[in-house]
Amino acid sequence: MTEHRPIKPPRKDEAHSLLERASGAFGLNDLGAAPMPTSFDDVPMKRARPLRKPAAQSEAVEQPVPEPAPVEIALDEPAAEVNLPVAAQPAAPPPAVIEASANAIALAGESVGIDHARLRERGYIDPAGAPSALAEEFRIVKRQILDAARQGGTGLSRRVLITSPHQDEGKTFCAVNLALSLAAERDLEVVLIDADLANPSVKEVFGLPDRAGLMDVLADAEARVERHVLKTDVPGLWLLPPGRQASHASEALASRRTAEMFERLTAQAPNRIVLIDSPPALAASPAAEIAKFVGQTILVARADRTGKSALEDAAQLLSACPDIKLVLNGANFSPSGRRFGSYYG
């Protein structure tokens, strides 16, 4: 059982509570609430001092601001230009223009006459004849050649190879007519090179005499090509015949000597176009070798003869040239009912 003991009553000195006795022992009597005042007097408030402005400024503030007078603008007078800063834009490249030659190597070959009657009989452009549908067709072709040459602006872009997949597709026909059309341009020199050594057709078309030419220049390190080109009686037209026959023509055309020859013809001569009539691309290897030294190639296809696979194979062999153009020769039908040069009948 729990033990119960009687609780003794507190003594007199123990009649106070523990807090009261602690207050007496530790001096906690001053912790009481502060005495409340009987009345509240008005305490003067602190006021901020007014800011004093200078006399000139105060007068300017006190004076009324006049309203701006309307501005009259005369419509017949141009307004002043305001140059605002704008973001820098890349400058457009200036158009490439064929300019006069600076230090070009002058062509100094002998002068020869060409057979104009033979050109007319075989259906070529007559340099002194009236405008014709054929001449207009090749004007369209030559514009593409000149535009590419201007955009390229290099000697490489002014060298043009003309070939076809197979023989009898009209490559020499296109080469001669294109040379005659380009020669009609003012202040333009055209050099037509007969590089079809096995079948030199350019020489036969113009009726040229036997002269030293391409192979002679490539075989002789001292020979200068500018002395072997022939000046024709057509203003602006020069011809380089094939020269002597050689058994290693393909190897000669692949040599460094060929590159040097082309450079001499086009270096510093922005007004000179060089055309090369080569053998068919699928019949002989010189066309693929010459393609390494030119900036444009015209691949001639005959409408009623050239197949698609032949064109693809020829384009693959000529892929060293960066720009290959296709010319359709002998087309008698147009799906749209229109033909180039039909304006002249």
Protein backbone atom coordinates (compact mmCIF):
# COMPACT_ATOMS: atom_id res chain seq x y z
CA MET A 1 0.00 0.00 0.00
CA THR A 2 1.06 3.58 -0.59
CA GLU A 3 2.33 5.40 2.44
CA HIS A 4 0.36 8.53 3.29
CA ARG A 5 1.94 11.17 5.47
CA PRO A 6 0.28 14.32 6.69
CA ILE A 7 1.33 17.57 4.90
CA LYS A 8 2.75 20.10 7.23
CA PRO A 9 1.37 23.63 6.98
CA PRO A 10 3.90 26.24 5.80
CA ARG A 11 5.65 28.38 8.28
CA LYS A 12 5.21 32.11 8.47
CA ASP A 13 8.38 32.72 6.55
CA GLU A 14 7.23 30.15 4.02
CA ALA A 15 3.77 31.68 3.45
CA HIS A 16 4.89 33.18 0.14
CA SER A 17 5.13 31.37 -3.16
CA LEU A 18 8.38 30.21 -4.68
CA LEU A 19 8.46 33.19 -7.09
CA GLU A 20 7.94 35.63 -4.32
CA ARG A 21 10.68 34.05 -2.24
CA ALA A 22 13.00 34.00 -5.26
CA SER A 23 12.28 37.67 -5.86
CA GLY A 24 13.28 38.47 -2.37
CA ALA A 25 16.43 36.35 -2.58
CA PHE A 26 17.68 37.49 -5.96
CA GLY A 27 16.37 41.06 -6.13
CA LEU A 28 13.72 40.62 -8.80
CA ASN A 29 11.43 43.35 -7.49
CA ASP A 30 12.43 45.76 -10.32
CA LEU A 31 11.06 43.43 -13.00
CA GLY A 32 7.54 44.66 -12.56
CA ALA A 33 5.60 46.67 -15.09
CA ALA A 34 6.49 50.32 -15.56
CA PRO A 35 4.16 52.79 -13.90
CA MET A 36 1.56 54.33 -16.23
CA PRO A 37 1.58 58.15 -16.53
CA THR A 38 -1.54 59.95 -15.48
CA SER A 39 -1.58 62.32 -18.51
CA PHE A 40 0.01 62.47 -21.99
CA ASP A 41 1.57 65.76 -23.04
CA ASP A 42 1.88 66.68 -26.73
CA VAL A 43 5.39 66.06 -27.94
CA PRO A 44 6.51 68.51 -30.66
CA MET A 45 6.96 66.69 -34.01
CA LYS A 46 10.15 67.00 -36.02
CA ARG A 47 9.52 68.59 -39.38
CA ALA A 48 11.83 68.31 -42.39
CA ARG A 49 13.45 71.44 -43.59
CA PRO A 50 12.22 72.66 -46.98
CA LEU A 51 14.81 72.33 -49.77
CA ARG A 52 15.86 75.69 -51.02
CA LYS A 53 16.58 75.83 -54.79
CA PRO A 54 18.67 78.46 -56.52
CA ALA A 55 16.84 81.59 -57.49
CA ALA A 56 17.31 81.00 -61.24
CA GLN A 57 15.95 77.49 -60.99
CA SER A 58 13.01 78.47 -58.84
CA GLU A 59 12.06 81.21 -61.23
CA ALA A 60 12.26 78.76 -64.14
CA VAL A 61 9.93 76.40 -62.34
CA GLU A 62 7.47 79.07 -61.40
CA GLN A 63 7.29 80.44 -64.93
CA PRO A 64 4.70 78.74 -67.14
CA VAL A 65 6.09 76.60 -69.89
CA PRO A 66 4.99 77.90 -73.31
CA GLU A 67 3.42 75.41 -75.67
CA PRO A 68 5.55 74.49 -78.70
CA ALA A 69 4.62 76.29 -81.82
CA PRO A 70 3.50 74.15 -84.77
CA VAL A 71 6.27 73.36 -87.25
CA GLU A 72 5.52 73.95 -90.89
CA ILE A 73 7.04 71.45 -93.35
CA ALA A 74 7.36 72.46 -96.97
CA LEU A 75 6.46 69.53 -99.18
CA ASP A 76 8.48 70.79 -102.08
CA GLU A 77 11.76 70.83 -100.13
CA PRO A 78 13.70 67.60 -99.52
CA ALA A 79 13.99 66.58 -95.91
CA ALA A 80 17.40 66.43 -94.29
CA GLU A 81 19.00 63.04 -94.42
CA VAL A 82 19.49 61.24 -91.13
CA ASN A 83 22.25 58.66 -91.08
CA LEU A 84 21.16 55.92 -88.75
CA PRO A 85 23.56 53.16 -87.78
CA VAL A 86 22.71 49.99 -89.61
CA ALA A 87 24.02 46.49 -89.32
CA ALA A 88 26.95 45.75 -91.57
CA GLN A 89 25.85 43.79 -94.63
CA PRO A 90 28.23 41.71 -96.75
CA ALA A 91 29.06 43.55 -99.93
CA ALA A 92 27.74 41.91 -103.09
CA PRO A 93 30.52 40.69 -105.37
CA PRO A 94 30.96 42.90 -108.42
CA PRO A 95 29.89 41.32 -111.68
CA ALA A 96 32.75 39.73 -113.54
CA VAL A 97 33.39 41.58 -116.79
CA ILE A 98 35.67 40.53 -119.59
CA GLU A 99 38.18 43.39 -119.68
CA ALA A 100 40.97 44.22 -122.02
CA SER A 101 44.06 42.06 -121.79
CA ALA A 102 46.87 43.23 -119.50
CA ASN A 103 49.99 41.17 -120.21
CA ALA A 104 48.53 38.52 -122.47
CA ILE A 105 50.79 36.62 -124.82
CA ALA A 106 50.03 37.98 -128.29
CA LEU A 107 49.10 35.52 -131.00
CA ALA A 108 51.69 35.79 -133.76
CA GLY A 109 50.95 33.03 -136.27
CA GLU A 110 50.75 33.42 -140.03
CA SER A 111 47.60 34.58 -141.79
CA VAL A 112 45.55 32.18 -143.92
CA GLY A 113 42.30 32.44 -145.83
CA ILE A 114 39.38 30.11 -145.28
CA ASP A 115 36.98 28.76 -147.86
CA HIS A 116 33.69 30.62 -147.19
CA ALA A 117 31.94 28.84 -150.06
CA ARG A 118 32.71 25.48 -148.46
CA LEU A 119 31.20 26.66 -145.17
CA ARG A 120 27.98 27.69 -146.87
CA GLU A 121 27.72 24.48 -148.89
CA ARG A 122 28.10 22.31 -145.80
CA GLY A 123 25.53 24.19 -143.78
CA TYR A 124 27.81 26.11 -141.43
CA ILE A 125 27.30 29.69 -140.31
CA ASP A 126 28.34 32.17 -142.96
CA PRO A 127 30.45 34.85 -141.20
CA ALA A 128 29.47 37.46 -143.77
CA GLY A 129 25.95 36.17 -144.42
CA ALA A 130 22.53 37.33 -143.28
CA PRO A 131 21.03 36.33 -139.91
CA SER A 132 19.76 32.77 -139.89
CA ALA A 133 18.06 30.29 -137.58
CA LEU A 134 21.34 28.39 -137.15
CA ALA A 135 23.23 31.53 -136.20
CA GLU A 136 20.57 32.40 -133.63
CA GLU A 137 20.69 28.93 -132.11
CA PHE A 138 24.43 29.19 -131.55
CA ARG A 139 24.03 32.70 -130.14
CA ILE A 140 21.99 31.11 -127.37
CA VAL A 141 24.70 28.49 -126.82
CA LYS A 142 27.55 30.99 -126.74
CA ARG A 143 25.77 33.18 -124.17
CA GLN A 144 25.89 30.26 -121.76
CA ILE A 145 29.60 29.83 -122.45
CA LEU A 146 30.40 33.52 -121.96
CA ASP A 147 28.34 33.78 -118.78
CA ALA A 148 30.18 30.85 -117.25
CA ALA A 149 33.52 32.35 -118.30
CA ARG A 150 32.65 35.70 -116.71
CA GLN A 151 31.49 34.10 -113.49
CA GLY A 152 34.60 31.94 -113.28
CA GLY A 153 36.95 34.79 -114.10
CA THR A 154 39.91 32.43 -114.61
CA GLY A 155 41.83 31.06 -117.54
CA LEU A 156 40.41 27.63 -116.78
CA SER A 157 36.83 28.85 -117.24
CA ARG A 158 37.75 30.26 -120.67
CA ARG A 159 38.89 26.88 -122.00
CA VAL A 160 36.04 24.82 -123.47
CA LEU A 161 36.17 21.19 -124.59
CA ILE A 162 33.74 20.06 -127.28
CA THR A 163 33.16 16.32 -127.69
CA SER A 164 30.49 13.64 -128.05
CA PRO A 165 30.03 10.05 -126.88
CA HIS A 166 30.44 8.54 -130.35
CA GLN A 167 31.47 9.68 -133.81
CA ASP A 168 29.08 11.24 -136.33
CA GLU A 169 27.04 12.99 -133.62
CA GLY A 170 27.95 16.53 -134.69
CA LYS A 171 30.75 17.61 -132.33
CA THR A 172 32.87 19.24 -135.06
CA PHE A 173 29.76 20.87 -136.54
CA CYS A 174 29.04 22.44 -133.15
CA ALA A 175 32.69 23.37 -132.54
CA VAL A 176 33.06 25.24 -135.85
CA ASN A 177 29.73 27.05 -135.58
CA LEU A 178 30.38 28.02 -131.97
CA ALA A 179 33.81 29.38 -132.91
CA LEU A 180 32.31 31.45 -135.74
CA SER A 181 29.56 32.74 -133.44
CA LEU A 182 32.03 33.71 -130.69
CA ALA A 183 34.32 35.42 -133.20
CA ALA A 184 31.45 37.76 -134.07
CA GLU A 185 31.68 39.27 -130.57
CA ARG A 186 33.47 42.58 -130.38
CA ASP A 187 36.94 42.63 -128.77
CA LEU A 188 36.99 38.86 -128.37
CA GLU A 189 39.63 36.43 -129.62
CA VAL A 190 38.69 32.81 -130.30
CA VAL A 191 41.24 30.03 -130.72
CA LEU A 192 39.85 26.76 -132.14
CA ILE A 193 42.19 23.80 -131.58
CA ASP A 194 41.82 20.67 -133.68
CA ALA A 195 42.72 17.96 -131.14
CA ASP A 196 41.04 15.10 -133.03
CA LEU A 197 44.36 13.74 -134.25
CA ALA A 198 42.96 10.55 -135.75
CA ASN A 199 40.31 12.40 -137.75
CA PRO A 200 41.23 16.12 -138.02
CA SER A 201 37.91 17.49 -139.24
CA VAL A 202 38.42 21.18 -138.43
CA LYS A 203 41.32 21.41 -140.84
CA GLU A 204 39.19 19.83 -143.57
CA VAL A 205 36.15 22.05 -142.94
CA PHE A 206 38.11 25.30 -143.28
CA GLY A 207 40.32 24.00 -146.09
CA LEU A 208 43.57 24.77 -144.24
CA PRO A 209 46.98 23.95 -145.73
CA ASP A 210 49.33 21.56 -144.00
CA ARG A 211 51.07 23.39 -141.20
CA ALA A 212 52.76 22.54 -137.93
CA GLY A 213 50.28 22.51 -135.07
CA LEU A 214 49.26 20.94 -131.79
CA MET A 215 51.46 17.83 -131.78
CA ASP A 216 54.49 19.82 -132.89
CA VAL A 217 54.07 22.17 -129.94
CA LEU A 218 53.71 19.28 -127.50
CA ALA A 219 56.72 17.43 -128.90
CA ASP A 220 59.12 20.38 -128.87
CA ALA A 221 59.85 21.99 -125.50
CA GLU A 222 61.17 25.11 -127.26
CA ALA A 223 58.10 25.58 -129.47
CA ARG A 224 55.68 28.40 -128.61
CA VAL A 225 52.03 27.82 -129.29
CA GLU A 226 51.34 31.49 -130.07
CA ARG A 227 53.59 31.20 -133.11
CA HIS A 228 51.72 28.19 -134.52
CA VAL A 229 48.13 29.47 -134.37
CA LEU A 230 46.85 30.62 -137.75
CA LYS A 231 45.10 33.95 -138.16
CA THR A 232 42.09 33.61 -140.44
CA ASP A 233 40.40 36.26 -142.53
CA VAL A 234 37.45 36.11 -140.11
CA PRO A 235 38.10 38.87 -137.56
CA GLY A 236 38.82 37.42 -134.13
CA LEU A 237 39.15 33.78 -135.26
CA TRP A 238 42.40 31.81 -134.85
CA LEU A 239 42.98 28.13 -135.65
CA LEU A 240 45.53 25.64 -134.35
CA PRO A 241 45.79 22.64 -136.73
CA PRO A 242 46.53 19.16 -135.39
CA GLY A 243 50.08 19.05 -136.74
CA ARG A 244 52.00 15.88 -137.45
CA GLN A 245 50.67 12.44 -136.69
CA ALA A 246 51.96 10.73 -133.55
CA SER A 247 51.49 7.27 -132.13
CA HIS A 248 51.49 8.48 -128.52
CA ALA A 249 49.00 11.32 -128.84
CA SER A 250 47.09 10.42 -125.67
CA GLU A 251 50.25 10.38 -123.55
CA ALA A 252 51.32 13.71 -125.04
CA LEU A 253 47.97 15.30 -124.19
CA ALA A 254 48.21 13.99 -120.62
CA SER A 255 51.65 15.54 -120.07
CA ARG A 256 52.53 18.72 -118.24
CA ARG A 257 53.39 20.28 -121.57
CA THR A 258 49.67 20.41 -122.43
CA ALA A 259 48.90 22.35 -119.27
CA GLU A 260 51.68 24.84 -120.06
CA MET A 261 50.35 25.29 -123.59
CA PHE A 262 46.83 26.08 -122.35
CA GLU A 263 48.21 28.49 -119.77
CA ARG A 264 50.11 30.42 -122.42
CA LEU A 265 46.93 30.83 -124.42
CA THR A 266 44.69 32.03 -121.58
CA ALA A 267 47.01 33.58 -118.98
CA GLN A 268 46.26 37.31 -118.52
CA ALA A 269 43.90 37.15 -121.51
CA PRO A 270 40.34 37.66 -120.22
CA ASN A 271 39.13 38.45 -123.76
CA ARG A 272 40.31 35.14 -125.25
CA ILE A 273 38.25 31.93 -125.48
CA VAL A 274 39.91 28.61 -126.37
CA LEU A 275 37.80 25.84 -127.93
CA ILE A 276 39.14 22.28 -128.25
CA ASP A 277 37.58 19.82 -130.68
CA SER A 278 38.57 16.39 -129.32
CA PRO A 279 37.87 12.80 -130.39
CA PRO A 280 34.65 11.16 -129.12
CA ALA A 281 34.84 10.42 -125.40
CA LEU A 282 33.89 6.73 -125.73
CA ALA A 283 36.02 6.11 -128.81
CA ALA A 284 39.40 7.48 -127.66
CA SER A 285 41.06 8.59 -124.43
CA PRO A 286 42.24 12.16 -125.35
CA ALA A 287 38.86 13.69 -124.44
CA ALA A 288 39.15 12.48 -120.82
CA GLU A 289 42.72 13.78 -120.62
CA ILE A 290 41.85 17.22 -122.02
CA ALA A 291 38.92 17.47 -119.58
CA LYS A 292 41.47 17.91 -116.78
CA PHE A 293 42.71 21.21 -118.28
CA VAL A 294 39.39 22.92 -119.12
CA GLY A 295 36.67 24.63 -117.09
CA GLN A 296 33.73 23.86 -119.40
CA THR A 297 32.76 20.89 -121.54
CA ILE A 298 30.08 20.71 -124.22
CA LEU A 299 28.84 17.17 -124.68
CA VAL A 300 27.06 16.90 -128.03
CA ALA A 301 24.26 14.33 -128.35
CA ARG A 302 22.37 13.57 -131.54
CA ALA A 303 18.64 13.35 -131.09
CA ASP A 304 18.10 10.26 -133.26
CA ARG A 305 21.26 8.36 -132.36
CA THR A 306 22.80 8.98 -128.92
CA GLY A 307 21.52 6.74 -126.15
CA LYS A 308 21.07 7.58 -122.49
CA SER A 309 23.67 5.08 -121.29
CA ALA A 310 26.23 6.49 -123.73
CA LEU A 311 25.67 9.99 -122.35
CA GLU A 312 26.04 8.76 -118.76
CA ASP A 313 29.26 6.89 -119.57
CA ALA A 314 30.71 9.88 -121.42
CA ALA A 315 29.83 12.25 -118.59
CA GLN A 316 31.53 9.92 -116.15
CA LEU A 317 34.74 9.90 -118.21
CA LEU A 318 34.67 13.70 -118.45
CA SER A 319 33.95 14.24 -114.74
CA ALA A 320 37.34 15.93 -114.22
CA CYS A 321 35.74 19.02 -115.78
CA PRO A 322 33.63 20.94 -113.21
CA ASP A 323 31.02 22.16 -115.73
CA ILE A 324 29.54 19.81 -118.35
CA LYS A 325 26.83 21.14 -120.66
CA LEU A 326 24.65 19.08 -122.98
CA VAL A 327 23.83 20.20 -126.53
CA LEU A 328 21.13 18.30 -128.42
CA ASN A 329 21.98 18.18 -132.10
CA GLY A 330 19.73 17.25 -135.03
CA ALA A 331 16.42 17.69 -133.19
CA ASN A 332 13.49 17.98 -135.62
CA PHE A 333 10.68 17.79 -133.08
CA SER A 334 9.95 19.91 -130.03
CA PRO A 335 7.27 18.75 -127.53
CA SER A 336 6.39 22.38 -126.76
CA GLY A 337 6.04 23.28 -130.44
CA ARG A 338 8.86 25.82 -130.21
CA ARG A 339 12.41 25.72 -131.54
CA PHE A 340 15.37 27.97 -130.87
CA GLY A 341 15.94 30.40 -133.71
CA SER A 342 12.52 29.87 -135.28
CA TYR A 343 12.11 33.67 -135.44
CA TYR A 344 14.31 33.70 -138.57
CA GLY A 345 12.42 30.89 -140.29
